[in-house]
Amino acid sequence: MSDENDDLILSELDDEELVAQMMDDLYDGLKDEIAEGVNILLGRGWAPYRVLTEPLVGGMTIVGRDFRDGILFVPEVLLAAGAMKGGMSILKPLLAETGAPTIGRMVIGTVKGDIHDIGQNLVTMMMEGAGFEVKNIGINNPVESYLEACEEFNADILGMSALLTTTMPYMKVVIDTMKEKGIREDYIVLVGGAPLNEEFGRAIGADAYCRDAAVAVETAKDFIARKHNSRVAG
């Protein structure tokens, strides 16, 4: 955003100024500054969950929006997500201690036969930046890996990625297996990857196709909110 703050001393800012500066620093991918800001806020008595939601999730929301709108590109988003990760490494053990709520839990991985992982790694970081817990099971996943991970992690969402037209159909194998086992309705299934489109997502029985990481976050939030509301109504 700006390079005017090279000599800025974060600890001299009041809380409101510091949060705004951290959101700028996150946007610019400044990992050390984010870690410093997190520690300052914690030292001032901020609850870990508040530190997560205000400067970090708030900042990543702007990053996600600008990525979606074509203002930021993958390298810049990866830098921002890396800075977010630096802050999260401090907050994660504290959040676990306090039993802070998470938005939802997601398992994500690339399908069997496919070894591309940049897209899913970006989704992982963006989802964590939005307050989700994510278990990334990597590349080349058979159906068993997905289902075991979903059960062990108590996932709300299953995310599948493919970058090859030859591996895309395997997503349907996973979804059909979930149907056969009677567990399809237990999970929100999101799919993504360069060769996919909405029509393909509908055809294989996924809940949604997500064209990029920012859309994945928005879609996941929307489905989790609907799931929560239906539970409350029920």
C-alpha atoms as a PDB file:
ATOM      1  CA  MET A   1       0.000   0.000   0.000  1.00  0.00           C
ATOM      2  CA  SER A   2       2.646   2.550   1.003  1.00  0.00           C
ATOM      3  CA  ASP A   3       6.355   2.789   1.812  1.00  0.00           C
ATOM      4  CA  GLU A   4       6.032   5.838   4.032  1.00  0.00           C
ATOM      5  CA  ASN A   5       6.258   3.879   7.264  1.00  0.00           C
ATOM      6  CA  ASP A   6       9.822   2.527   7.143  1.00  0.00           C
ATOM      7  CA  ASP A   7      10.754   4.376  10.362  1.00  0.00           C
ATOM      8  CA  LEU A   8       7.388   3.754  12.052  1.00  0.00           C
ATOM      9  CA  ILE A   9       7.576   2.432  15.613  1.00  0.00           C
ATOM     10  CA  LEU A  10       4.544   0.176  15.979  1.00  0.00           C
ATOM     11  CA  SER A  11       4.562   0.225  19.768  1.00  0.00           C
ATOM     12  CA  GLU A  12       4.014   4.017  19.750  1.00  0.00           C
ATOM     13  CA  LEU A  13       0.699   3.705  17.897  1.00  0.00           C
ATOM     14  CA  ASP A  14      -2.594   3.504  19.767  1.00  0.00           C
ATOM     15  CA  ASP A  15      -4.739   0.401  19.266  1.00  0.00           C
ATOM     16  CA  GLU A  16      -6.820   1.794  16.414  1.00  0.00           C
ATOM     17  CA  GLU A  17      -3.754   3.099  14.557  1.00  0.00           C
ATOM     18  CA  LEU A  18      -1.895  -0.158  15.115  1.00  0.00           C
ATOM     19  CA  VAL A  19      -4.739  -2.271  13.711  1.00  0.00           C
ATOM     20  CA  ALA A  20      -4.891  -0.043  10.626  1.00  0.00           C
ATOM     21  CA  GLN A  21      -1.111  -0.245  10.196  1.00  0.00           C
ATOM     22  CA  MET A  22      -1.153  -4.042  10.591  1.00  0.00           C
ATOM     23  CA  MET A  23      -3.792  -4.309   7.886  1.00  0.00           C
ATOM     24  CA  ASP A  24      -1.509  -2.248   5.615  1.00  0.00           C
ATOM     25  CA  ASP A  25       1.500  -4.390   6.551  1.00  0.00           C
ATOM     26  CA  LEU A  26      -0.436  -7.570   5.879  1.00  0.00           C
ATOM     27  CA  TYR A  27      -1.448  -6.261   2.468  1.00  0.00           C
ATOM     28  CA  ASP A  28       2.225  -5.582   1.760  1.00  0.00           C
ATOM     29  CA  GLY A  29       3.311  -9.045   2.992  1.00  0.00           C
ATOM     30  CA  LEU A  30       5.478  -7.761   5.865  1.00  0.00           C
ATOM     31  CA  LYS A  31       5.781 -10.860   8.035  1.00  0.00           C
ATOM     32  CA  ASP A  32       8.071  -9.463  10.769  1.00  0.00           C
ATOM     33  CA  GLU A  33       5.885  -6.388  11.263  1.00  0.00           C
ATOM     34  CA  ILE A  34       2.779  -8.559  11.574  1.00  0.00           C
ATOM     35  CA  ALA A  35       4.427 -10.742  14.217  1.00  0.00           C
ATOM     36  CA  GLU A  36       5.516  -7.612  16.100  1.00  0.00           C
ATOM     37  CA  GLY A  37       2.017  -6.128  15.915  1.00  0.00           C
ATOM     38  CA  VAL A  38       0.427  -9.346  17.177  1.00  0.00           C
ATOM     39  CA  ASN A  39       2.782  -9.414  20.162  1.00  0.00           C
ATOM     40  CA  ILE A  40       2.128  -5.749  20.954  1.00  0.00           C
ATOM     41  CA  LEU A  41      -1.656  -6.250  20.972  1.00  0.00           C
ATOM     42  CA  LEU A  42      -1.357  -9.388  23.099  1.00  0.00           C
ATOM     43  CA  GLY A  43       0.887  -7.419  25.483  1.00  0.00           C
ATOM     44  CA  ARG A  44      -1.847  -4.807  25.750  1.00  0.00           C
ATOM     45  CA  GLY A  45      -4.288  -7.437  26.918  1.00  0.00           C
ATOM     46  CA  TRP A  46      -6.099  -8.158  23.656  1.00  0.00           C
ATOM     47  CA  ALA A  47      -7.724 -11.594  23.497  1.00  0.00           C
ATOM     48  CA  PRO A  48      -6.078 -13.834  20.855  1.00  0.00           C
ATOM     49  CA  TYR A  49      -9.389 -14.195  18.995  1.00  0.00           C
ATOM     50  CA  ARG A  50      -9.747 -10.412  18.751  1.00  0.00           C
ATOM     51  CA  VAL A  51      -6.198 -10.113  17.366  1.00  0.00           C
ATOM     52  CA  LEU A  52      -7.073 -12.767  14.801  1.00  0.00           C
ATOM     53  CA  THR A  53     -10.356 -11.236  13.683  1.00  0.00           C
ATOM     54  CA  GLU A  54      -9.627  -7.493  13.637  1.00  0.00           C
ATOM     55  CA  PRO A  55      -6.185  -6.860  12.072  1.00  0.00           C
ATOM     56  CA  LEU A  56      -5.524 -10.281  10.505  1.00  0.00           C
ATOM     57  CA  VAL A  57      -8.866 -11.494   9.148  1.00  0.00           C
ATOM     58  CA  GLY A  58      -9.779  -7.872   8.454  1.00  0.00           C
ATOM     59  CA  GLY A  59      -6.600  -7.410   6.436  1.00  0.00           C
ATOM     60  CA  MET A  60      -6.944 -10.682   4.542  1.00  0.00           C
ATOM     61  CA  THR A  61     -10.522  -9.765   3.646  1.00  0.00           C
ATOM     62  CA  ILE A  62      -9.180  -6.737   1.788  1.00  0.00           C
ATOM     63  CA  VAL A  63      -6.472  -8.872   0.155  1.00  0.00           C
ATOM     64  CA  GLY A  64      -9.101 -11.394  -0.950  1.00  0.00           C
ATOM     65  CA  ARG A  65     -11.360  -8.705  -2.351  1.00  0.00           C
ATOM     66  CA  ASP A  66      -8.547  -7.079  -4.329  1.00  0.00           C
ATOM     67  CA  PHE A  67      -7.396 -10.484  -5.612  1.00  0.00           C
ATOM     68  CA  ARG A  68     -10.928 -11.245  -6.772  1.00  0.00           C
ATOM     69  CA  ASP A  69     -11.131  -7.855  -8.499  1.00  0.00           C
ATOM     70  CA  GLY A  70      -7.792  -8.259 -10.291  1.00  0.00           C
ATOM     71  CA  ILE A  71      -5.964  -5.560  -8.288  1.00  0.00           C
ATOM     72  CA  LEU A  72      -3.646  -8.085  -6.614  1.00  0.00           C
ATOM     73  CA  PHE A  73      -2.133 -11.175  -8.207  1.00  0.00           C
ATOM     74  CA  VAL A  74      -0.992 -14.571  -6.929  1.00  0.00           C
ATOM     75  CA  PRO A  75       2.584 -13.560  -5.905  1.00  0.00           C
ATOM     76  CA  GLU A  76       1.282 -10.641  -3.797  1.00  0.00           C
ATOM     77  CA  VAL A  77      -1.447 -12.771  -2.236  1.00  0.00           C
ATOM     78  CA  LEU A  78       1.104 -15.449  -1.337  1.00  0.00           C
ATOM     79  CA  LEU A  79       3.233 -12.796   0.381  1.00  0.00           C
ATOM     80  CA  ALA A  80       0.226 -11.511   2.323  1.00  0.00           C
ATOM     81  CA  ALA A  81      -0.773 -15.058   3.268  1.00  0.00           C
ATOM     82  CA  GLY A  82       2.782 -15.740   4.424  1.00  0.00           C
ATOM     83  CA  ALA A  83       2.644 -12.665   6.678  1.00  0.00           C
ATOM     84  CA  MET A  84      -0.715 -13.869   8.001  1.00  0.00           C
ATOM     85  CA  LYS A  85       0.862 -17.230   8.745  1.00  0.00           C
ATOM     86  CA  GLY A  86       3.559 -15.520  10.795  1.00  0.00           C
ATOM     87  CA  GLY A  87       0.906 -13.939  12.979  1.00  0.00           C
ATOM     88  CA  MET A  88      -1.078 -17.163  13.162  1.00  0.00           C
ATOM     89  CA  SER A  89       1.942 -19.129  14.413  1.00  0.00           C
ATOM     90  CA  ILE A  90       1.879 -16.924  17.523  1.00  0.00           C
ATOM     91  CA  LEU A  91      -1.906 -17.010  17.923  1.00  0.00           C
ATOM     92  CA  LYS A  92      -2.680 -20.683  17.206  1.00  0.00           C
ATOM     93  CA  PRO A  93      -1.509 -22.150  20.552  1.00  0.00           C
ATOM     94  CA  LEU A  94      -3.223 -19.300  22.415  1.00  0.00           C
ATOM     95  CA  LEU A  95      -6.475 -19.809  20.505  1.00  0.00           C
ATOM     96  CA  ALA A  96      -6.362 -23.528  21.326  1.00  0.00           C
ATOM     97  CA  GLU A  97      -5.921 -22.724  25.033  1.00  0.00           C
ATOM     98  CA  THR A  98      -8.850 -20.317  25.114  1.00  0.00           C
ATOM     99  CA  GLY A  99     -11.124 -22.568  23.029  1.00  0.00           C
ATOM    100  CA  ALA A 100     -11.774 -19.703  20.625  1.00  0.00           C
ATOM    101  CA  PRO A 101     -14.406 -20.408  17.983  1.00  0.00           C
ATOM    102  CA  THR A 102     -13.490 -21.140  14.383  1.00  0.00           C
ATOM    103  CA  ILE A 103     -15.758 -20.458  11.430  1.00  0.00           C
ATOM    104  CA  GLY A 104     -15.489 -24.034  10.198  1.00  0.00           C
ATOM    105  CA  ARG A 105     -13.141 -26.892   9.363  1.00  0.00           C
ATOM    106  CA  MET A 106     -11.965 -27.818   5.881  1.00  0.00           C
ATOM    107  CA  VAL A 107     -10.037 -30.690   4.320  1.00  0.00           C
ATOM    108  CA  ILE A 108      -8.418 -29.833   0.992  1.00  0.00           C
ATOM    109  CA  GLY A 109      -6.238 -31.776  -1.426  1.00  0.00           C
ATOM    110  CA  THR A 110      -5.443 -32.351  -5.101  1.00  0.00           C
ATOM    111  CA  VAL A 111      -7.082 -35.417  -6.649  1.00  0.00           C
ATOM    112  CA  LYS A 112      -5.463 -38.713  -7.553  1.00  0.00           C
ATOM    113  CA  GLY A 113      -3.115 -38.484 -10.541  1.00  0.00           C
ATOM    114  CA  ASP A 114      -2.577 -34.744 -10.147  1.00  0.00           C
ATOM    115  CA  ILE A 115       0.549 -33.281  -8.522  1.00  0.00           C
ATOM    116  CA  HIS A 116      -0.228 -29.558  -8.761  1.00  0.00           C
ATOM    117  CA  ASP A 117      -0.591 -27.773  -5.446  1.00  0.00           C
ATOM    118  CA  ILE A 118      -0.054 -24.011  -5.849  1.00  0.00           C
ATOM    119  CA  GLY A 119      -3.788 -23.309  -6.140  1.00  0.00           C
ATOM    120  CA  GLN A 120      -4.800 -25.400  -3.168  1.00  0.00           C
ATOM    121  CA  ASN A 121      -1.983 -23.966  -1.053  1.00  0.00           C
ATOM    122  CA  LEU A 122      -3.298 -20.505  -1.834  1.00  0.00           C
ATOM    123  CA  VAL A 123      -6.826 -21.572  -0.893  1.00  0.00           C
ATOM    124  CA  THR A 124      -5.465 -23.068   2.347  1.00  0.00           C
ATOM    125  CA  MET A 125      -3.768 -19.833   3.340  1.00  0.00           C
ATOM    126  CA  MET A 126      -6.731 -17.674   2.377  1.00  0.00           C
ATOM    127  CA  MET A 127      -9.142 -19.919   4.287  1.00  0.00           C
ATOM    128  CA  GLU A 128      -6.925 -19.845   7.379  1.00  0.00           C
ATOM    129  CA  GLY A 129      -6.738 -16.074   6.950  1.00  0.00           C
ATOM    130  CA  ALA A 130     -10.536 -15.963   7.072  1.00  0.00           C
ATOM    131  CA  GLY A 131     -10.652 -17.912  10.359  1.00  0.00           C
ATOM    132  CA  PHE A 132     -11.156 -21.485   9.129  1.00  0.00           C
ATOM    133  CA  GLU A 133      -9.171 -24.460  10.364  1.00  0.00           C
ATOM    134  CA  VAL A 134      -7.716 -26.253   7.350  1.00  0.00           C
ATOM    135  CA  LYS A 135      -6.105 -29.659   6.921  1.00  0.00           C
ATOM    136  CA  ASN A 136      -4.226 -29.745   3.608  1.00  0.00           C
ATOM    137  CA  ILE A 137      -3.619 -33.364   2.604  1.00  0.00           C
ATOM    138  CA  GLY A 138      -1.411 -32.507  -0.355  1.00  0.00           C
ATOM    139  CA  ILE A 139      -1.361 -33.988  -3.852  1.00  0.00           C
ATOM    140  CA  ASN A 140      -2.393 -37.213  -5.604  1.00  0.00           C
ATOM    141  CA  ASN A 141      -5.189 -38.177  -3.212  1.00  0.00           C
ATOM    142  CA  PRO A 142      -7.309 -41.297  -3.703  1.00  0.00           C
ATOM    143  CA  VAL A 143     -10.865 -41.270  -2.404  1.00  0.00           C
ATOM    144  CA  GLU A 144      -9.817 -43.059   0.802  1.00  0.00           C
ATOM    145  CA  SER A 145      -7.459 -40.209   1.755  1.00  0.00           C
ATOM    146  CA  TYR A 146     -10.215 -37.635   1.446  1.00  0.00           C
ATOM    147  CA  LEU A 147     -12.762 -39.609   3.436  1.00  0.00           C
ATOM    148  CA  GLU A 148     -10.343 -40.580   6.216  1.00  0.00           C
ATOM    149  CA  ALA A 149      -9.149 -36.994   6.577  1.00  0.00           C
ATOM    150  CA  CYS A 150     -12.711 -35.639   6.668  1.00  0.00           C
ATOM    151  CA  GLU A 151     -13.688 -38.073   9.403  1.00  0.00           C
ATOM    152  CA  GLU A 152     -10.534 -37.601  11.497  1.00  0.00           C
ATOM    153  CA  PHE A 153     -10.605 -33.807  11.194  1.00  0.00           C
ATOM    154  CA  ASN A 154     -14.359 -33.582  11.773  1.00  0.00           C
ATOM    155  CA  ALA A 155     -14.545 -31.428   8.636  1.00  0.00           C
ATOM    156  CA  ASP A 156     -17.461 -29.292   7.518  1.00  0.00           C
ATOM    157  CA  ILE A 157     -16.032 -28.767   4.034  1.00  0.00           C
ATOM    158  CA  LEU A 158     -14.202 -30.963   1.541  1.00  0.00           C
ATOM    159  CA  GLY A 159     -12.218 -29.068  -1.089  1.00  0.00           C
ATOM    160  CA  MET A 160     -10.875 -30.837  -4.181  1.00  0.00           C
ATOM    161  CA  SER A 161      -8.460 -29.365  -6.705  1.00  0.00           C
ATOM    162  CA  ALA A 162      -7.391 -30.497 -10.193  1.00  0.00           C
ATOM    163  CA  LEU A 163      -5.252 -28.800 -12.811  1.00  0.00           C
ATOM    164  CA  LEU A 164      -5.423 -31.484 -15.500  1.00  0.00           C
ATOM    165  CA  THR A 165      -8.412 -32.332 -17.673  1.00  0.00           C
ATOM    166  CA  THR A 166      -7.452 -36.003 -17.249  1.00  0.00           C
ATOM    167  CA  THR A 167      -7.769 -35.875 -13.445  1.00  0.00           C
ATOM    168  CA  MET A 168     -10.965 -33.785 -13.238  1.00  0.00           C
ATOM    169  CA  PRO A 169     -13.296 -36.814 -13.509  1.00  0.00           C
ATOM    170  CA  TYR A 170     -11.826 -38.283 -10.308  1.00  0.00           C
ATOM    171  CA  MET A 171     -13.728 -35.647  -8.357  1.00  0.00           C
ATOM    172  CA  LYS A 172     -16.930 -37.423  -9.370  1.00  0.00           C
ATOM    173  CA  VAL A 173     -15.474 -40.717  -8.107  1.00  0.00           C
ATOM    174  CA  VAL A 174     -15.000 -39.142  -4.674  1.00  0.00           C
ATOM    175  CA  ILE A 175     -18.496 -37.625  -4.600  1.00  0.00           C
ATOM    176  CA  ASP A 176     -20.132 -40.854  -5.848  1.00  0.00           C
ATOM    177  CA  THR A 177     -18.293 -42.823  -3.158  1.00  0.00           C
ATOM    178  CA  MET A 178     -19.564 -40.399  -0.530  1.00  0.00           C
ATOM    179  CA  LYS A 179     -23.092 -40.964  -1.815  1.00  0.00           C
ATOM    180  CA  GLU A 180     -22.658 -44.754  -1.713  1.00  0.00           C
ATOM    181  CA  LYS A 181     -21.476 -44.542   1.891  1.00  0.00           C
ATOM    182  CA  GLY A 182     -24.390 -42.276   2.839  1.00  0.00           C
ATOM    183  CA  ILE A 183     -22.138 -39.407   3.956  1.00  0.00           C
ATOM    184  CA  ARG A 184     -22.503 -36.960   1.053  1.00  0.00           C
ATOM    185  CA  GLU A 185     -24.859 -34.695   3.002  1.00  0.00           C
ATOM    186  CA  ASP A 186     -22.403 -34.512   5.913  1.00  0.00           C
ATOM    187  CA  TYR A 187     -20.013 -32.284   3.977  1.00  0.00           C
ATOM    188  CA  ILE A 188     -20.013 -29.159   1.832  1.00  0.00           C
ATOM    189  CA  VAL A 189     -18.059 -30.117  -1.305  1.00  0.00           C
ATOM    190  CA  LEU A 190     -16.203 -27.340  -3.126  1.00  0.00           C
ATOM    191  CA  VAL A 191     -14.154 -27.929  -6.290  1.00  0.00           C
ATOM    192  CA  GLY A 192     -11.677 -25.778  -8.174  1.00  0.00           C
ATOM    193  CA  GLY A 193      -8.833 -25.705 -10.661  1.00  0.00           C
ATOM    194  CA  ALA A 194      -8.002 -24.123 -13.991  1.00  0.00           C
ATOM    195  CA  PRO A 195      -9.851 -26.551 -16.319  1.00  0.00           C
ATOM    196  CA  LEU A 196     -13.079 -26.628 -14.265  1.00  0.00           C
ATOM    197  CA  ASN A 197     -16.196 -24.512 -14.617  1.00  0.00           C
ATOM    198  CA  GLU A 198     -19.583 -24.148 -12.943  1.00  0.00           C
ATOM    199  CA  GLU A 199     -21.244 -26.561 -15.320  1.00  0.00           C
ATOM    200  CA  PHE A 200     -18.716 -29.287 -14.489  1.00  0.00           C
ATOM    201  CA  GLY A 201     -19.168 -28.655 -10.757  1.00  0.00           C
ATOM    202  CA  ARG A 202     -22.930 -29.095 -11.083  1.00  0.00           C
ATOM    203  CA  ALA A 203     -22.575 -32.185 -13.302  1.00  0.00           C
ATOM    204  CA  ILE A 204     -20.446 -34.093 -10.767  1.00  0.00           C
ATOM    205  CA  GLY A 205     -22.658 -33.163  -7.809  1.00  0.00           C
ATOM    206  CA  ALA A 206     -20.404 -30.664  -6.018  1.00  0.00           C
ATOM    207  CA  ASP A 207     -22.008 -27.930  -3.928  1.00  0.00           C
ATOM    208  CA  ALA A 208     -20.052 -25.237  -5.738  1.00  0.00           C
ATOM    209  CA  TYR A 209     -17.240 -24.514  -8.173  1.00  0.00           C
ATOM    210  CA  CYS A 210     -14.796 -21.824  -6.987  1.00  0.00           C
ATOM    211  CA  ARG A 211     -12.793 -20.083  -9.683  1.00  0.00           C
ATOM    212  CA  ASP A 212     -10.117 -18.801  -7.286  1.00  0.00           C
ATOM    213  CA  ALA A 213      -9.087 -18.668  -3.636  1.00  0.00           C
ATOM    214  CA  ALA A 214     -11.023 -15.467  -2.870  1.00  0.00           C
ATOM    215  CA  VAL A 215     -14.237 -16.965  -4.242  1.00  0.00           C
ATOM    216  CA  ALA A 216     -13.548 -20.165  -2.270  1.00  0.00           C
ATOM    217  CA  VAL A 217     -13.458 -18.177   0.976  1.00  0.00           C
ATOM    218  CA  GLU A 218     -16.675 -16.282   0.175  1.00  0.00           C
ATOM    219  CA  THR A 219     -18.437 -19.486  -0.897  1.00  0.00           C
ATOM    220  CA  ALA A 220     -17.304 -21.404   2.172  1.00  0.00           C
ATOM    221  CA  LYS A 221     -18.470 -18.632   4.506  1.00  0.00           C
ATOM    222  CA  ASP A 222     -21.840 -18.536   2.766  1.00  0.00           C
ATOM    223  CA  PHE A 223     -22.389 -22.304   3.014  1.00  0.00           C
ATOM    224  CA  ILE A 224     -21.259 -22.446   6.656  1.00  0.00           C
ATOM    225  CA  ALA A 225     -23.664 -19.608   7.533  1.00  0.00           C
ATOM    226  CA  ARG A 226     -26.519 -21.423   5.797  1.00  0.00           C
ATOM    227  CA  LYS A 227     -25.634 -24.679   7.545  1.00  0.00           C
ATOM    228  CA  HIS A 228     -25.586 -22.897  10.896  1.00  0.00           C
ATOM    229  CA  ASN A 229     -28.888 -21.151  10.231  1.00  0.00           C
ATOM    230  CA  SER A 230     -30.586 -24.395   9.227  1.00  0.00           C
ATOM    231  CA  ARG A 231     -29.376 -26.007  12.475  1.00  0.00           C
ATOM    232  CA  VAL A 232     -30.725 -23.076  14.501  1.00  0.00           C
ATOM    233  CA  ALA A 233     -34.035 -23.187  12.634  1.00  0.00           C
ATOM    234  CA  GLY A 234     -34.210 -26.932  13.135  1.00  0.00           C
END
